[in-house]
Structures are given as C-alpha cells and as structure tokens.
Amino acid sequence: MKVEFFYKYPKTLLNKGTGVLSGYSYSLNPYAGCAFGCSYCYVRQMPVPMFRKEEWGSWVDIKKKSADLLRKEL
C-alpha cells in the first residue's frame, strides 16, 4: 500500500486531556495517521481516521515546525 504524507502547520501541538485522556493534563501529537494500517489497531475506530477519505494506514499528517511550536507553548 502506498502511503501519502501531508504537511500541516498547526496552531498548537498540546491538546487538553479530555475523554479517554481526561486523566492527563495534555497530549502531544506531532503527527496524525499511520503508515502501517494494522487490522488489529484500536486507533482506526477513533474519530480522526473516520473523517478522512483515504484508507487508514495510507496517510500521515506531519506537523511542521513541531519543535519550535512546542518550545513556544511550554
């Protein structure tokens, strides 16, 4: 399967912990998606991949300038 890489410039990297992550103050995601698409993966059933046209495991969103943005947020 061919994997497509998309480059994003996010406004933030740190996200408040809510829902299943409510036990944590923040989560950090420098990318979204997956290049493997394992059939047993729990993430494929979560909201992010459900709103994409591309099949899970065929795309990765890479958040550009992540280190600079994280330094700024901290």
N, C-alpha and C. Protein backbone atom coordinates (compact mmCIF):
# COMPACT_ATOMS: atom_id res chain seq x y z
N MET A 1 0.84 -1.18 0.00
CA MET A 1 0.00 0.00 0.00
C MET A 1 0.90 1.25 0.00
N LYS A 2 0.58 2.19 -0.83
CA LYS A 2 1.34 3.43 -0.90
C LYS A 2 0.86 4.38 0.20
N VAL A 3 1.81 5.02 0.87
CA VAL A 3 1.49 5.96 1.95
C VAL A 3 1.72 7.38 1.46
N GLU A 4 0.75 8.25 1.71
CA GLU A 4 0.88 9.66 1.35
C GLU A 4 1.19 10.46 2.61
N PHE A 5 2.12 11.38 2.48
CA PHE A 5 2.49 12.25 3.59
C PHE A 5 1.98 13.65 3.30
N PHE A 6 1.25 14.20 4.25
CA PHE A 6 0.70 15.54 4.13
C PHE A 6 1.37 16.41 5.20
N TYR A 7 1.70 17.63 4.85
CA TYR A 7 2.38 18.53 5.78
C TYR A 7 1.44 19.63 6.22
N LYS A 8 1.31 19.78 7.53
CA LYS A 8 0.40 20.76 8.13
C LYS A 8 1.20 21.75 8.97
N TYR A 9 0.65 22.92 9.15
CA TYR A 9 1.24 23.93 10.02
C TYR A 9 0.22 24.22 11.12
N PRO A 10 0.25 23.45 12.20
CA PRO A 10 -0.77 23.60 13.26
C PRO A 10 -0.55 24.86 14.09
N LYS A 11 -1.60 25.29 14.75
CA LYS A 11 -1.51 26.43 15.67
C LYS A 11 -1.04 25.98 17.03
N THR A 12 -1.26 24.71 17.35
CA THR A 12 -0.89 24.17 18.65
C THR A 12 -0.49 22.71 18.53
N LEU A 13 0.36 22.26 19.43
CA LEU A 13 0.73 20.84 19.50
C LEU A 13 0.16 20.19 20.75
N LEU A 14 0.02 20.98 21.80
CA LEU A 14 -0.50 20.46 23.07
C LEU A 14 -2.02 20.57 23.08
N ASN A 15 -2.67 19.47 23.41
CA ASN A 15 -4.13 19.44 23.48
C ASN A 15 -4.56 19.06 24.88
N LYS A 16 -5.55 19.74 25.41
CA LYS A 16 -6.06 19.41 26.75
C LYS A 16 -6.55 17.98 26.78
N GLY A 17 -6.27 17.30 27.88
CA GLY A 17 -6.70 15.92 28.04
C GLY A 17 -8.20 15.85 28.30
N THR A 18 -8.95 15.28 27.37
CA THR A 18 -10.40 15.12 27.52
C THR A 18 -10.78 13.70 27.14
N GLY A 19 -12.00 13.32 27.41
CA GLY A 19 -12.48 11.99 27.05
C GLY A 19 -11.65 10.90 27.70
N VAL A 20 -11.18 9.95 26.90
CA VAL A 20 -10.36 8.85 27.42
C VAL A 20 -9.03 9.35 27.99
N LEU A 21 -8.62 10.54 27.60
CA LEU A 21 -7.36 11.10 28.10
C LEU A 21 -7.58 12.11 29.23
N SER A 22 -8.75 12.11 29.82
CA SER A 22 -9.06 13.09 30.87
C SER A 22 -8.19 12.94 32.11
N GLY A 23 -7.53 11.82 32.28
CA GLY A 23 -6.62 11.63 33.40
C GLY A 23 -5.28 12.34 33.21
N TYR A 24 -5.09 12.90 32.02
CA TYR A 24 -3.85 13.60 31.70
C TYR A 24 -4.14 15.08 31.49
N SER A 25 -3.17 15.92 31.79
CA SER A 25 -3.35 17.36 31.59
C SER A 25 -3.37 17.68 30.10
N TYR A 26 -2.40 17.14 29.36
CA TYR A 26 -2.28 17.43 27.93
C TYR A 26 -1.82 16.19 27.17
N SER A 27 -2.07 16.20 25.88
CA SER A 27 -1.49 15.20 24.99
C SER A 27 -0.68 15.94 23.93
N LEU A 28 0.29 15.27 23.36
CA LEU A 28 1.18 15.83 22.36
C LEU A 28 1.17 14.92 21.15
N ASN A 29 0.80 15.46 20.00
CA ASN A 29 0.76 14.67 18.78
C ASN A 29 1.47 15.40 17.65
N PRO A 30 2.74 15.07 17.40
CA PRO A 30 3.47 15.75 16.33
C PRO A 30 3.06 15.27 14.93
N TYR A 31 2.25 14.22 14.88
CA TYR A 31 1.72 13.75 13.61
C TYR A 31 0.38 13.06 13.86
N ALA A 32 -0.35 12.82 12.79
CA ALA A 32 -1.60 12.06 12.86
C ALA A 32 -1.59 11.07 11.71
N GLY A 33 -2.29 9.98 11.88
CA GLY A 33 -2.35 8.98 10.84
C GLY A 33 -1.42 7.81 11.11
N CYS A 34 -1.20 7.01 10.07
CA CYS A 34 -0.43 5.79 10.24
C CYS A 34 0.10 5.33 8.88
N ALA A 35 1.26 4.75 8.88
CA ALA A 35 1.85 4.22 7.65
C ALA A 35 1.77 2.69 7.59
N PHE A 36 1.14 2.06 8.58
CA PHE A 36 1.12 0.61 8.64
C PHE A 36 -0.28 0.02 8.43
N GLY A 37 -1.30 0.57 9.08
CA GLY A 37 -2.67 0.12 8.89
C GLY A 37 -2.95 -1.28 9.42
N CYS A 38 -2.39 -1.62 10.56
CA CYS A 38 -2.61 -2.94 11.16
C CYS A 38 -4.10 -3.17 11.40
N SER A 39 -4.59 -4.36 11.07
CA SER A 39 -6.01 -4.66 11.19
C SER A 39 -6.48 -4.68 12.64
N TYR A 40 -5.60 -4.92 13.59
CA TYR A 40 -5.98 -5.01 15.00
C TYR A 40 -5.86 -3.68 15.74
N CYS A 41 -5.46 -2.61 15.06
CA CYS A 41 -5.22 -1.32 15.70
C CYS A 41 -6.52 -0.68 16.19
N TYR A 42 -6.53 -0.23 17.44
CA TYR A 42 -7.71 0.42 18.01
C TYR A 42 -7.93 1.83 17.45
N VAL A 43 -6.88 2.48 16.97
CA VAL A 43 -6.99 3.87 16.52
C VAL A 43 -7.84 4.00 15.26
N ARG A 44 -7.86 2.98 14.43
CA ARG A 44 -8.65 3.06 13.19
C ARG A 44 -10.13 3.25 13.47
N GLN A 45 -10.61 2.95 14.67
CA GLN A 45 -12.01 3.13 15.05
C GLN A 45 -12.28 4.48 15.72
N MET A 46 -11.26 5.29 15.87
CA MET A 46 -11.40 6.59 16.53
C MET A 46 -11.79 7.65 15.50
N PRO A 47 -12.23 8.82 15.97
CA PRO A 47 -12.76 9.85 15.06
C PRO A 47 -11.82 10.35 13.97
N VAL A 48 -10.53 10.51 14.24
CA VAL A 48 -9.63 11.10 13.23
C VAL A 48 -9.68 10.34 11.90
N PRO A 49 -9.45 9.02 11.88
CA PRO A 49 -9.47 8.34 10.59
C PRO A 49 -10.86 8.23 9.97
N MET A 50 -11.91 8.37 10.76
CA MET A 50 -13.27 8.22 10.24
C MET A 50 -13.70 9.41 9.38
N PHE A 51 -13.00 10.54 9.51
CA PHE A 51 -13.37 11.73 8.74
C PHE A 51 -12.46 11.94 7.54
N ARG A 52 -11.71 10.94 7.17
CA ARG A 52 -10.81 11.03 6.01
C ARG A 52 -11.32 10.12 4.91
N LYS A 53 -11.10 10.52 3.69
CA LYS A 53 -11.47 9.68 2.55
C LYS A 53 -10.49 8.52 2.37
N GLU A 54 -9.22 8.80 2.67
CA GLU A 54 -8.18 7.80 2.48
C GLU A 54 -8.31 6.66 3.50
N GLU A 55 -7.93 5.48 3.09
CA GLU A 55 -7.98 4.32 3.96
C GLU A 55 -6.94 4.45 5.09
N TRP A 56 -7.31 4.00 6.29
CA TRP A 56 -6.39 4.05 7.43
C TRP A 56 -5.14 3.24 7.09
N GLY A 57 -3.99 3.82 7.37
CA GLY A 57 -2.73 3.18 7.06
C GLY A 57 -2.13 3.68 5.76
N SER A 58 -2.85 4.56 5.06
CA SER A 58 -2.35 5.06 3.78
C SER A 58 -1.99 6.55 3.83
N TRP A 59 -2.05 7.15 5.01
CA TRP A 59 -1.74 8.58 5.13
C TRP A 59 -1.15 8.93 6.48
N VAL A 60 -0.32 9.97 6.48
CA VAL A 60 0.27 10.51 7.70
C VAL A 60 0.29 12.04 7.55
N ASP A 61 -0.26 12.74 8.53
CA ASP A 61 -0.18 14.20 8.58
C ASP A 61 1.01 14.55 9.47
N ILE A 62 1.98 15.21 8.89
CA ILE A 62 3.17 15.61 9.64
C ILE A 62 3.05 17.09 10.00
N LYS A 63 3.14 17.38 11.27
CA LYS A 63 3.01 18.76 11.74
C LYS A 63 4.38 19.43 11.69
N LYS A 64 4.52 20.38 10.78
CA LYS A 64 5.79 21.06 10.54
C LYS A 64 6.13 22.01 11.68
N LYS A 65 7.42 22.20 11.88
CA LYS A 65 7.96 23.10 12.90
C LYS A 65 7.47 22.75 14.30
N SER A 66 7.29 21.46 14.55
CA SER A 66 6.77 20.99 15.83
C SER A 66 7.63 21.38 17.02
N ALA A 67 8.94 21.26 16.88
CA ALA A 67 9.84 21.59 18.00
C ALA A 67 9.73 23.06 18.37
N ASP A 68 9.72 23.93 17.36
CA ASP A 68 9.59 25.37 17.63
C ASP A 68 8.27 25.70 18.30
N LEU A 69 7.21 25.09 17.79
CA LEU A 69 5.88 25.34 18.35
C LEU A 69 5.78 24.84 19.78
N LEU A 70 6.33 23.68 20.07
CA LEU A 70 6.30 23.13 21.42
C LEU A 70 7.09 24.03 22.38
N ARG A 71 8.24 24.48 21.97
CA ARG A 71 9.03 25.41 22.80
C ARG A 71 8.21 26.64 23.15
N LYS A 72 7.52 27.17 22.17
CA LYS A 72 6.69 28.37 22.36
C LYS A 72 5.55 28.09 23.36
N GLU A 73 4.90 26.94 23.22
CA GLU A 73 3.78 26.59 24.09
C GLU A 73 4.22 26.32 25.53
N LEU A 74 5.38 25.74 25.69
CA LEU A 74 5.86 25.43 27.04
C LEU A 74 6.28 26.71 27.76
